[in-house]
C-alpha atoms as a PDB file:
ATOM      1  CA  MET A   1      10.987  32.170 -26.565  1.00  0.00           C
ATOM      2  CA  SER A   2      11.826  28.523 -27.185  1.00  0.00           C
ATOM      3  CA  ALA A   3       9.364  26.140 -28.792  1.00  0.00           C
ATOM      4  CA  LEU A   4       9.263  24.247 -25.486  1.00  0.00           C
ATOM      5  CA  HIS A   5       7.797  27.256 -23.612  1.00  0.00           C
ATOM      6  CA  GLU A   6       5.524  28.526 -26.395  1.00  0.00           C
ATOM      7  CA  PRO A   7       2.475  26.268 -25.626  1.00  0.00           C
ATOM      8  CA  ASN A   8       2.558  27.315 -21.942  1.00  0.00           C
ATOM      9  CA  ALA A   9       2.654  30.999 -22.918  1.00  0.00           C
ATOM     10  CA  LYS A  10      -0.539  30.532 -24.952  1.00  0.00           C
ATOM     11  CA  LEU A  11      -2.308  28.805 -22.046  1.00  0.00           C
ATOM     12  CA  LEU A  12      -1.568  31.498 -19.437  1.00  0.00           C
ATOM     13  CA  PRO A  13      -4.244  33.989 -20.665  1.00  0.00           C
ATOM     14  CA  ARG A  14      -6.812  31.165 -20.784  1.00  0.00           C
ATOM     15  CA  ARG A  15      -6.000  30.128 -17.223  1.00  0.00           C
ATOM     16  CA  ARG A  16      -6.477  33.715 -16.051  1.00  0.00           C
ATOM     17  CA  THR A  17      -9.863  33.867 -17.806  1.00  0.00           C
ATOM     18  CA  VAL A  18     -11.021  30.617 -16.200  1.00  0.00           C
ATOM     19  CA  LEU A  19      -9.785  31.755 -12.778  1.00  0.00           C
ATOM     20  CA  GLY A  20     -11.582  35.093 -13.151  1.00  0.00           C
ATOM     21  CA  ALA A  21     -14.831  33.364 -14.095  1.00  0.00           C
ATOM     22  CA  ALA A  22     -14.532  30.998 -11.133  1.00  0.00           C
ATOM     23  CA  LEU A  23     -13.988  33.890  -8.721  1.00  0.00           C
ATOM     24  CA  MET A  24     -17.082  35.658 -10.098  1.00  0.00           C
ATOM     25  CA  LEU A  25     -19.183  32.527  -9.542  1.00  0.00           C
ATOM     26  CA  VAL A  26     -17.970  32.187  -5.955  1.00  0.00           C
ATOM     27  CA  SER A  27     -19.180  35.702  -5.204  1.00  0.00           C
ATOM     28  CA  LEU A  28     -22.638  34.734  -6.516  1.00  0.00           C
ATOM     29  CA  TRP A  29     -22.903  31.601  -4.342  1.00  0.00           C
ATOM     30  CA  PRO A  30     -25.843  31.939  -1.903  1.00  0.00           C
ATOM     31  CA  ALA A  31     -24.921  32.792   1.676  1.00  0.00           C
ATOM     32  CA  ALA A  32     -27.237  30.038   2.977  1.00  0.00           C
ATOM     33  CA  ALA A  33     -24.925  27.421   1.489  1.00  0.00           C
ATOM     34  CA  SER A  34     -22.231  28.068   4.090  1.00  0.00           C
ATOM     35  CA  ALA A  35     -20.457  25.155   5.710  1.00  0.00           C
ATOM     36  CA  LEU A  36     -20.659  24.154   9.362  1.00  0.00           C
ATOM     37  CA  GLU A  37     -17.631  25.596  11.111  1.00  0.00           C
ATOM     38  CA  VAL A  38     -16.580  23.532  14.104  1.00  0.00           C
ATOM     39  CA  SER A  39     -13.340  23.747  15.986  1.00  0.00           C
ATOM     40  CA  CYS A  40     -12.587  21.136  18.594  1.00  0.00           C
ATOM     41  CA  VAL A  41     -10.047  18.687  19.875  1.00  0.00           C
ATOM     42  CA  ALA A  42     -11.017  15.065  19.388  1.00  0.00           C
ATOM     43  CA  ASP A  43      -8.069  13.132  20.749  1.00  0.00           C
ATOM     44  CA  ARG A  44      -9.888   9.954  21.819  1.00  0.00           C
ATOM     45  CA  VAL A  45     -11.590   7.273  19.760  1.00  0.00           C
ATOM     46  CA  THR A  46     -14.206   4.776  20.881  1.00  0.00           C
ATOM     47  CA  ALA A  47     -15.303   2.184  18.337  1.00  0.00           C
ATOM     48  CA  ARG A  48     -17.400  -0.893  17.817  1.00  0.00           C
ATOM     49  CA  ALA A  49     -17.280  -3.236  14.836  1.00  0.00           C
ATOM     50  CA  VAL A  50     -19.001  -6.557  14.259  1.00  0.00           C
ATOM     51  CA  SER A  51     -18.212  -9.070  11.550  1.00  0.00           C
ATOM     52  CA  SER A  52     -21.861 -10.018  11.263  1.00  0.00           C
ATOM     53  CA  GLY A  53     -24.967  -8.458  12.731  1.00  0.00           C
ATOM     54  CA  GLY A  54     -26.973  -5.464  11.659  1.00  0.00           C
ATOM     55  CA  GLY A  55     -30.624  -5.732  10.766  1.00  0.00           C
ATOM     56  CA  SER A  56     -33.513  -4.966   8.443  1.00  0.00           C
ATOM     57  CA  THR A  57     -36.543  -2.686   8.608  1.00  0.00           C
ATOM     58  CA  ASN A  58     -39.420  -1.533   6.466  1.00  0.00           C
ATOM     59  CA  SER A  59     -40.380   1.217   8.929  1.00  0.00           C
ATOM     60  CA  ASN A  60     -40.794   4.852   7.833  1.00  0.00           C
ATOM     61  CA  SER A  61     -39.716   5.875  11.356  1.00  0.00           C
ATOM     62  CA  PHE A  62     -36.139   5.587  12.542  1.00  0.00           C
ATOM     63  CA  VAL A  63     -35.259   2.391  14.419  1.00  0.00           C
ATOM     64  CA  ASN A  64     -32.022   1.463  16.171  1.00  0.00           C
ATOM     65  CA  VAL A  65     -29.431  -0.421  14.159  1.00  0.00           C
ATOM     66  CA  PRO A  66     -28.533  -3.510  16.219  1.00  0.00           C
ATOM     67  CA  ASP A  67     -24.926  -3.776  17.421  1.00  0.00           C
ATOM     68  CA  THR A  68     -24.146  -0.039  17.170  1.00  0.00           C
ATOM     69  CA  ALA A  69     -24.463   1.290  20.749  1.00  0.00           C
ATOM     70  CA  VAL A  70     -21.187   2.779  21.993  1.00  0.00           C
ATOM     71  CA  ASP A  71     -20.821   4.423  25.422  1.00  0.00           C
ATOM     72  CA  VAL A  72     -18.537   7.464  25.405  1.00  0.00           C
ATOM     73  CA  THR A  73     -17.439   9.885  28.082  1.00  0.00           C
ATOM     74  CA  ILE A  74     -16.711  13.401  26.845  1.00  0.00           C
ATOM     75  CA  GLY A  75     -13.983  14.962  28.948  1.00  0.00           C
ATOM     76  CA  GLY A  76     -12.860  18.504  29.537  1.00  0.00           C
ATOM     77  CA  ALA A  77     -14.575  21.490  31.097  1.00  0.00           C
ATOM     78  CA  ASN A  78     -16.103  23.094  27.998  1.00  0.00           C
ATOM     79  CA  PRO A  79     -18.440  21.962  25.216  1.00  0.00           C
ATOM     80  CA  THR A  80     -16.750  20.339  22.232  1.00  0.00           C
ATOM     81  CA  CYS A  81     -17.665  18.441  19.104  1.00  0.00           C
ATOM     82  CA  VAL A  82     -18.143  14.731  18.587  1.00  0.00           C
ATOM     83  CA  ILE A  83     -17.599  13.107  15.200  1.00  0.00           C
ATOM     84  CA  VAL A  84     -19.376   9.836  14.422  1.00  0.00           C
ATOM     85  CA  VAL A  85     -18.194   7.793  11.441  1.00  0.00           C
ATOM     86  CA  PHE A  86     -20.421   4.913  10.378  1.00  0.00           C
ATOM     87  CA  THR A  87     -19.732   2.209   7.812  1.00  0.00           C
ATOM     88  CA  ALA A  88     -21.977  -0.718   6.909  1.00  0.00           C
ATOM     89  CA  HIS A  89     -22.997  -2.990   4.100  1.00  0.00           C
ATOM     90  CA  THR A  90     -26.324  -1.650   2.830  1.00  0.00           C
ATOM     91  CA  GLN A  91     -28.892  -3.370   0.705  1.00  0.00           C
ATOM     92  CA  THR A  92     -31.811  -1.626  -0.988  1.00  0.00           C
ATOM     93  CA  THR A  93     -33.666  -2.132  -4.234  1.00  0.00           C
ATOM     94  CA  SER A  94     -33.619   0.182  -7.243  1.00  0.00           C
ATOM     95  CA  ASN A  95     -36.902   1.791  -6.119  1.00  0.00           C
ATOM     96  CA  GLU A  96     -35.942   2.285  -2.455  1.00  0.00           C
ATOM     97  CA  ASN A  97     -33.723   4.607  -0.417  1.00  0.00           C
ATOM     98  CA  MET A  98     -32.478   4.177   3.134  1.00  0.00           C
ATOM     99  CA  ALA A  99     -31.924   7.013   5.601  1.00  0.00           C
ATOM    100  CA  ILE A 100     -29.291   6.701   8.341  1.00  0.00           C
ATOM    101  CA  ARG A 101     -28.707   8.999  11.309  1.00  0.00           C
ATOM    102  CA  ALA A 102     -26.486   9.146  14.369  1.00  0.00           C
ATOM    103  CA  ARG A 103     -27.858   9.833  17.841  1.00  0.00           C
ATOM    104  CA  LEU A 104     -26.098  10.878  21.038  1.00  0.00           C
ATOM    105  CA  GLU A 105     -28.461   9.652  23.723  1.00  0.00           C
ATOM    106  CA  GLY A 106     -28.106  11.658  26.896  1.00  0.00           C
ATOM    107  CA  GLY A 107     -28.571  15.149  25.464  1.00  0.00           C
ATOM    108  CA  GLY A 108     -26.048  15.414  22.642  1.00  0.00           C
ATOM    109  CA  GLY A 109     -28.334  17.392  20.336  1.00  0.00           C
ATOM    110  CA  ASN A 110     -28.655  16.927  16.595  1.00  0.00           C
ATOM    111  CA  SER A 111     -25.880  16.202  14.136  1.00  0.00           C
ATOM    112  CA  THR A 112     -24.883  17.789  10.876  1.00  0.00           C
ATOM    113  CA  PRO A 113     -26.064  16.363   8.583  1.00  0.00           C
ATOM    114  CA  SER A 114     -29.212  15.340  10.436  1.00  0.00           C
ATOM    115  CA  GLU A 115     -29.476  12.211   8.282  1.00  0.00           C
ATOM    116  CA  TYR A 116     -27.790  10.573   5.306  1.00  0.00           C
ATOM    117  CA  ALA A 117     -29.720   8.984   2.432  1.00  0.00           C
ATOM    118  CA  THR A 118     -27.998   6.092   0.675  1.00  0.00           C
ATOM    119  CA  GLY A 119     -29.862   6.447  -2.614  1.00  0.00           C
ATOM    120  CA  PRO A 120     -31.398   3.585  -4.530  1.00  0.00           C
ATOM    121  CA  GLY A 121     -29.441   0.368  -4.549  1.00  0.00           C
ATOM    122  CA  THR A 122     -28.883  -2.541  -6.853  1.00  0.00           C
ATOM    123  CA  GLY A 123     -30.407  -5.227  -4.653  1.00  0.00           C
ATOM    124  CA  VAL A 124     -26.966  -6.488  -3.657  1.00  0.00           C
ATOM    125  CA  SER A 125     -24.843  -5.513  -0.671  1.00  0.00           C
ATOM    126  CA  GLU A 126     -22.905  -2.253  -1.079  1.00  0.00           C
ATOM    127  CA  THR A 127     -20.534  -0.672   1.434  1.00  0.00           C
ATOM    128  CA  ARG A 128     -21.429   2.882   2.485  1.00  0.00           C
ATOM    129  CA  THR A 129     -19.819   5.334   4.882  1.00  0.00           C
ATOM    130  CA  ALA A 130     -21.308   8.439   6.494  1.00  0.00           C
ATOM    131  CA  GLN A 131     -19.930  11.027   8.905  1.00  0.00           C
ATOM    132  CA  PHE A 132     -21.949  13.057  11.395  1.00  0.00           C
ATOM    133  CA  ILE A 133     -20.743  16.025  13.466  1.00  0.00           C
ATOM    134  CA  PHE A 134     -22.300  17.029  16.774  1.00  0.00           C
ATOM    135  CA  ASP A 135     -21.141  20.486  17.797  1.00  0.00           C
ATOM    136  CA  ASN A 136     -21.357  22.062  21.240  1.00  0.00           C
ATOM    137  CA  VAL A 137     -21.590  18.781  23.199  1.00  0.00           C
ATOM    138  CA  GLU A 138     -21.281  19.268  26.960  1.00  0.00           C
ATOM    139  CA  PRO A 139     -18.842  17.075  28.905  1.00  0.00           C
ATOM    140  CA  GLY A 140     -20.570  13.949  30.220  1.00  0.00           C
ATOM    141  CA  THR A 141     -21.519  10.379  29.417  1.00  0.00           C
ATOM    142  CA  TYR A 142     -23.473   9.539  26.251  1.00  0.00           C
ATOM    143  CA  THR A 143     -24.472   6.544  24.183  1.00  0.00           C
ATOM    144  CA  ALA A 144     -23.747   6.972  20.493  1.00  0.00           C
ATOM    145  CA  ARG A 145     -26.121   4.895  18.411  1.00  0.00           C
ATOM    146  CA  MET A 146     -27.016   4.551  14.753  1.00  0.00           C
ATOM    147  CA  GLN A 147     -30.586   4.482  13.445  1.00  0.00           C
ATOM    148  CA  PHE A 148     -32.051   3.759  10.027  1.00  0.00           C
ATOM    149  CA  ARG A 149     -35.363   3.764   8.183  1.00  0.00           C
ATOM    150  CA  SER A 150     -36.951   3.000   4.851  1.00  0.00           C
ATOM    151  CA  ILE A 151     -37.614   6.233   2.977  1.00  0.00           C
ATOM    152  CA  SER A 152     -40.422   4.827   0.828  1.00  0.00           C
ATOM    153  CA  GLY A 153     -41.795   2.569   3.539  1.00  0.00           C
ATOM    154  CA  GLY A 154     -43.081  -0.929   3.036  1.00  0.00           C
ATOM    155  CA  THR A 155     -39.874  -1.994   1.302  1.00  0.00           C
ATOM    156  CA  THR A 156     -37.239  -3.741   3.387  1.00  0.00           C
ATOM    157  CA  VAL A 157     -33.833  -2.100   3.755  1.00  0.00           C
ATOM    158  CA  THR A 158     -30.901  -3.935   5.332  1.00  0.00           C
ATOM    159  CA  LEU A 159     -27.662  -2.962   7.088  1.00  0.00           C
ATOM    160  CA  GLY A 160     -24.948  -5.511   7.804  1.00  0.00           C
ATOM    161  CA  ARG A 161     -21.518  -5.577   9.437  1.00  0.00           C
ATOM    162  CA  PRO A 162     -21.910  -2.176  11.113  1.00  0.00           C
ATOM    163  CA  THR A 163     -18.884  -0.245  12.296  1.00  0.00           C
ATOM    164  CA  ILE A 164     -19.250   2.902  14.404  1.00  0.00           C
ATOM    165  CA  VAL A 165     -16.255   5.069  15.305  1.00  0.00           C
ATOM    166  CA  VAL A 166     -16.723   7.990  17.701  1.00  0.00           C
ATOM    167  CA  HIS A 167     -14.049  10.698  17.826  1.00  0.00           C
ATOM    168  CA  HIS A 168     -14.309  12.749  21.017  1.00  0.00           C
ATOM    169  CA  ARG A 169     -12.419  14.477  23.798  1.00  0.00           C
END
């Protein structure tokens, strides 16, 4: 064997050992940690973006994010999924978290994940993106809307420049 191939020959048994260990760990992974499996066709996009706008809250309960209502009509004859992608500038302090969720008003059910926590911030504006999947949505007309709340309560959290993109059939 040439000197050029010798280092690779020594690594091959190590790679097999690492692969074997990884496969053993996968078999030990809890069944409850399974992923949401959704299969649908989302060939239409409805979006809303504003260069300013948004809002602030110190509420522990979810409130509507201004400028994020988007009317969508889900076509077809069978239930499908709807994917909501949300991006905004967020602002929280180092001792505060913000929760964000998507709603499909008109009977769209709950999304996965049910909400998204931004984590503590730096006190300055940071851009965050979250995706929410609604599965088994019946054909019809809905209003997609974003909501947010202060996790700790009493501390103001702010969203600015919201963009909501709804992928649907």
